[in-house]
């Protein structure tokens, strides 16, 4: 069982229930994604093959699609859960 599955259990219905914010955005420049915490460029990506696609004007935030773990640019106003990075002590 993956760590994410411990949080979400069975994800088998609406799209919003199967996505998680990871803290990236392209507010500064379209398709130039950075981490929201410090504006650093992404040093890793896992986009779905057709992403980022800016499907809507609000598609400026990065979400992970569960269970595959691929990234999509998603409307920032959509309600979704989130994943956080934590430093191991």
N, C-alpha and C. Protein backbone atom coordinates (compact mmCIF):
# COMPACT_ATOMS: atom_id res chain seq x y z
N UNK A 1 0.85 -1.18 0.00
CA UNK A 1 0.00 0.00 0.00
C UNK A 1 0.89 1.24 0.00
N UNK A 2 0.61 2.17 -0.89
CA UNK A 2 1.41 3.38 -0.95
C UNK A 2 1.03 4.34 0.16
N UNK A 3 1.93 5.27 0.43
CA UNK A 3 1.68 6.27 1.45
C UNK A 3 0.43 7.09 1.12
N UNK A 4 0.28 7.47 -0.13
CA UNK A 4 -0.88 8.27 -0.52
C UNK A 4 -2.17 7.50 -0.29
N UNK A 5 -2.16 6.20 -0.60
CA UNK A 5 -3.39 5.44 -0.43
C UNK A 5 -3.83 5.36 1.02
N UNK A 6 -2.90 5.50 1.94
CA UNK A 6 -3.28 5.54 3.35
C UNK A 6 -4.14 6.75 3.65
N UNK A 7 -3.90 7.85 2.92
CA UNK A 7 -4.66 9.07 3.15
C UNK A 7 -6.00 9.07 2.43
N UNK A 8 -6.06 8.51 1.24
CA UNK A 8 -7.26 8.65 0.43
C UNK A 8 -8.14 7.42 0.39
N UNK A 9 -7.63 6.29 0.80
CA UNK A 9 -8.44 5.07 0.74
C UNK A 9 -8.80 4.76 -0.69
N UNK A 10 -10.05 4.45 -0.92
CA UNK A 10 -10.51 4.13 -2.26
C UNK A 10 -10.88 5.42 -3.00
N UNK A 11 -10.22 5.65 -4.11
CA UNK A 11 -10.50 6.83 -4.93
C UNK A 11 -11.06 6.32 -6.25
N UNK A 12 -12.37 6.30 -6.35
CA UNK A 12 -12.96 5.71 -7.55
C UNK A 12 -14.13 6.53 -8.09
N UNK A 13 -14.27 7.77 -7.64
CA UNK A 13 -15.34 8.59 -8.18
C UNK A 13 -14.87 9.98 -8.55
N UNK A 14 -15.61 11.04 -8.25
CA UNK A 14 -15.37 12.34 -8.88
C UNK A 14 -13.92 12.79 -8.97
N UNK A 15 -13.61 13.41 -10.10
CA UNK A 15 -12.27 13.89 -10.42
C UNK A 15 -11.64 14.63 -9.26
N UNK A 16 -12.33 15.58 -8.65
CA UNK A 16 -11.76 16.38 -7.57
C UNK A 16 -11.36 15.53 -6.37
N UNK A 17 -12.03 14.41 -6.15
CA UNK A 17 -11.67 13.54 -5.04
C UNK A 17 -10.39 12.76 -5.30
N UNK A 18 -9.92 12.78 -6.52
CA UNK A 18 -8.75 11.99 -6.90
C UNK A 18 -7.55 12.87 -7.23
N UNK A 19 -7.57 14.12 -6.84
CA UNK A 19 -6.45 15.02 -7.10
C UNK A 19 -5.97 15.64 -5.80
N UNK A 20 -4.68 15.98 -5.79
CA UNK A 20 -4.05 16.56 -4.61
C UNK A 20 -3.13 17.68 -5.04
N UNK A 21 -3.26 18.84 -4.42
CA UNK A 21 -2.36 19.96 -4.71
C UNK A 21 -0.97 19.62 -4.20
N UNK A 22 0.05 20.00 -4.98
CA UNK A 22 1.43 19.77 -4.52
C UNK A 22 2.22 21.07 -4.41
N UNK A 23 1.59 22.21 -4.64
CA UNK A 23 2.25 23.47 -4.36
C UNK A 23 3.03 24.11 -5.48
N UNK A 24 2.74 23.75 -6.72
CA UNK A 24 3.39 24.40 -7.85
C UNK A 24 2.39 25.25 -8.61
N UNK A 25 2.89 26.30 -9.28
CA UNK A 25 2.00 27.17 -10.06
C UNK A 25 2.76 27.85 -11.18
N UNK A 26 2.00 28.41 -12.12
CA UNK A 26 2.60 29.21 -13.20
C UNK A 26 1.96 30.59 -13.25
N UNK A 27 1.74 31.19 -12.08
CA UNK A 27 1.15 32.53 -12.02
C UNK A 27 2.06 33.59 -12.67
N UNK A 28 3.36 33.46 -12.53
CA UNK A 28 4.29 34.46 -13.04
C UNK A 28 4.37 34.48 -14.56
N UNK A 29 4.43 33.29 -15.18
CA UNK A 29 4.51 33.18 -16.63
C UNK A 29 3.88 31.85 -17.04
N UNK A 30 3.00 31.89 -18.00
CA UNK A 30 2.29 30.70 -18.45
C UNK A 30 3.26 29.59 -18.83
N UNK A 31 3.02 28.40 -18.27
CA UNK A 31 3.81 27.18 -18.49
C UNK A 31 5.23 27.23 -17.93
N UNK A 32 5.54 28.21 -17.12
CA UNK A 32 6.80 28.23 -16.38
C UNK A 32 6.45 27.99 -14.91
N UNK A 33 6.40 26.72 -14.54
CA UNK A 33 5.94 26.34 -13.21
C UNK A 33 7.06 26.45 -12.18
N UNK A 34 6.69 26.95 -11.01
CA UNK A 34 7.61 27.10 -9.89
C UNK A 34 6.92 26.56 -8.64
N UNK A 35 7.72 26.33 -7.60
CA UNK A 35 7.15 25.92 -6.31
C UNK A 35 6.62 27.16 -5.60
N UNK A 36 5.41 27.07 -5.09
CA UNK A 36 4.76 28.20 -4.43
C UNK A 36 5.50 28.65 -3.18
N UNK A 37 6.17 27.74 -2.51
CA UNK A 37 6.82 28.05 -1.24
C UNK A 37 8.00 29.00 -1.39
N UNK A 38 8.71 28.92 -2.54
CA UNK A 38 9.92 29.74 -2.68
C UNK A 38 10.19 30.22 -4.10
N UNK A 39 9.26 30.03 -5.01
CA UNK A 39 9.38 30.44 -6.42
C UNK A 39 10.54 29.79 -7.15
N UNK A 40 11.05 28.67 -6.65
CA UNK A 40 12.12 27.95 -7.36
C UNK A 40 11.52 27.16 -8.53
N UNK A 41 12.25 27.08 -9.65
CA UNK A 41 11.78 26.26 -10.77
C UNK A 41 11.69 24.79 -10.34
N UNK A 42 10.84 24.06 -11.01
CA UNK A 42 10.69 22.64 -10.72
C UNK A 42 11.97 21.91 -11.10
N UNK A 43 12.44 21.02 -10.24
CA UNK A 43 13.62 20.22 -10.57
C UNK A 43 13.22 18.79 -10.91
N UNK A 44 11.93 18.52 -10.95
CA UNK A 44 11.39 17.22 -11.31
C UNK A 44 9.97 17.46 -11.81
N UNK A 45 9.54 16.74 -12.81
CA UNK A 45 8.15 16.79 -13.25
C UNK A 45 7.65 15.39 -13.56
N UNK A 46 6.36 15.23 -13.52
CA UNK A 46 5.74 13.94 -13.84
C UNK A 46 4.39 14.20 -14.54
N UNK A 47 4.42 15.07 -15.54
CA UNK A 47 3.20 15.46 -16.25
C UNK A 47 2.59 14.28 -16.99
N UNK A 48 1.24 14.24 -17.03
CA UNK A 48 0.57 13.35 -17.98
C UNK A 48 0.99 13.77 -19.38
N UNK A 49 0.96 12.87 -20.36
CA UNK A 49 1.44 13.21 -21.71
C UNK A 49 0.81 14.46 -22.33
N UNK A 50 -0.43 14.79 -22.03
CA UNK A 50 -1.09 15.95 -22.64
C UNK A 50 -1.01 17.19 -21.75
N UNK A 51 -0.27 17.14 -20.69
CA UNK A 51 -0.18 18.24 -19.72
C UNK A 51 1.21 18.88 -19.75
N UNK A 52 1.35 20.09 -19.28
CA UNK A 52 0.28 21.02 -18.94
C UNK A 52 -0.40 21.53 -20.21
N UNK A 53 -1.72 21.71 -20.14
CA UNK A 53 -2.45 22.10 -21.34
C UNK A 53 -3.23 23.41 -21.21
N UNK A 54 -3.24 24.01 -20.02
CA UNK A 54 -3.98 25.27 -19.82
C UNK A 54 -5.39 25.18 -20.38
N UNK A 55 -6.07 24.09 -20.08
CA UNK A 55 -7.42 23.85 -20.60
C UNK A 55 -8.38 24.99 -20.26
N UNK A 56 -8.26 25.52 -19.05
CA UNK A 56 -9.07 26.68 -18.68
C UNK A 56 -8.15 27.81 -18.24
N UNK A 57 -8.67 29.01 -18.19
CA UNK A 57 -7.86 30.17 -17.81
C UNK A 57 -7.34 30.04 -16.38
N UNK A 58 -8.00 29.23 -15.56
CA UNK A 58 -7.63 29.06 -14.15
C UNK A 58 -6.65 27.91 -13.93
N UNK A 59 -6.22 27.21 -14.98
CA UNK A 59 -5.31 26.06 -14.85
C UNK A 59 -3.88 26.53 -14.60
N UNK A 60 -3.64 27.01 -13.39
CA UNK A 60 -2.32 27.54 -13.04
C UNK A 60 -1.67 26.81 -11.88
N UNK A 61 -2.32 25.79 -11.35
CA UNK A 61 -1.79 25.08 -10.19
C UNK A 61 -1.57 23.61 -10.54
N UNK A 62 -0.57 22.99 -9.89
CA UNK A 62 -0.24 21.60 -10.17
C UNK A 62 -0.96 20.69 -9.19
N UNK A 63 -1.63 19.69 -9.74
CA UNK A 63 -2.26 18.66 -8.93
C UNK A 63 -1.71 17.30 -9.35
N UNK A 64 -1.65 16.38 -8.41
CA UNK A 64 -1.29 15.00 -8.67
C UNK A 64 -2.59 14.21 -8.80
N UNK A 65 -2.67 13.38 -9.82
CA UNK A 65 -3.83 12.53 -10.02
C UNK A 65 -3.55 11.18 -9.39
N UNK A 66 -4.42 10.77 -8.48
CA UNK A 66 -4.29 9.48 -7.81
C UNK A 66 -5.13 8.46 -8.58
N UNK A 67 -4.68 7.23 -8.79
CA UNK A 67 -3.56 6.59 -8.13
C UNK A 67 -2.26 6.62 -8.91
N UNK A 68 -2.24 7.12 -10.13
CA UNK A 68 -1.03 7.03 -10.96
C UNK A 68 0.10 7.94 -10.57
N UNK A 69 -0.21 9.07 -9.92
CA UNK A 69 0.83 10.00 -9.50
C UNK A 69 1.26 11.00 -10.55
N UNK A 70 0.58 10.99 -11.71
CA UNK A 70 0.93 11.95 -12.76
C UNK A 70 0.42 13.33 -12.40
N UNK A 71 1.05 14.35 -13.00
CA UNK A 71 0.71 15.74 -12.73
C UNK A 71 -0.20 16.30 -13.81
N UNK A 72 -1.08 17.22 -13.40
CA UNK A 72 -1.93 17.98 -14.32
C UNK A 72 -1.91 19.44 -13.88
N UNK A 73 -2.08 20.35 -14.85
CA UNK A 73 -2.35 21.73 -14.45
C UNK A 73 -3.86 21.82 -14.27
N UNK A 74 -4.26 22.33 -13.13
CA UNK A 74 -5.65 22.23 -12.70
C UNK A 74 -6.09 23.59 -12.22
N UNK A 75 -7.37 23.86 -12.32
CA UNK A 75 -7.91 25.13 -11.87
C UNK A 75 -7.65 25.36 -10.39
N UNK A 76 -6.99 26.44 -10.07
CA UNK A 76 -6.59 26.72 -8.68
C UNK A 76 -7.78 26.92 -7.75
N UNK A 77 -8.94 27.24 -8.31
CA UNK A 77 -10.11 27.47 -7.46
C UNK A 77 -10.84 26.17 -7.12
N UNK A 78 -10.43 25.05 -7.72
CA UNK A 78 -11.03 23.76 -7.38
C UNK A 78 -10.63 23.34 -5.98
N UNK A 79 -11.57 22.76 -5.26
CA UNK A 79 -11.28 22.27 -3.92
C UNK A 79 -10.66 20.89 -4.01
N UNK A 80 -9.47 20.72 -3.47
CA UNK A 80 -8.79 19.43 -3.45
C UNK A 80 -8.00 19.32 -2.16
N UNK A 81 -7.64 18.11 -1.83
CA UNK A 81 -6.72 17.91 -0.71
C UNK A 81 -5.33 18.32 -1.15
N UNK A 82 -4.37 18.25 -0.24
CA UNK A 82 -3.02 18.65 -0.61
C UNK A 82 -2.00 17.72 0.03
N UNK A 83 -0.84 17.65 -0.61
CA UNK A 83 0.31 16.91 -0.09
C UNK A 83 1.37 17.93 0.28
N UNK A 84 2.05 17.71 1.37
CA UNK A 84 3.09 18.64 1.82
C UNK A 84 4.44 17.95 1.89
N UNK A 85 5.47 18.71 1.65
CA UNK A 85 6.83 18.23 1.81
C UNK A 85 7.24 18.45 3.26
N UNK A 86 7.90 17.47 3.82
CA UNK A 86 8.35 17.59 5.20
C UNK A 86 9.81 17.16 5.26
N UNK A 87 10.60 17.95 5.92
CA UNK A 87 12.01 17.62 6.09
C UNK A 87 12.14 16.53 7.15
N UNK A 88 12.94 15.52 6.83
CA UNK A 88 13.17 14.45 7.78
C UNK A 88 14.25 14.91 8.75
N UNK A 89 13.96 14.80 10.02
CA UNK A 89 14.92 15.24 11.05
C UNK A 89 15.91 14.16 11.37
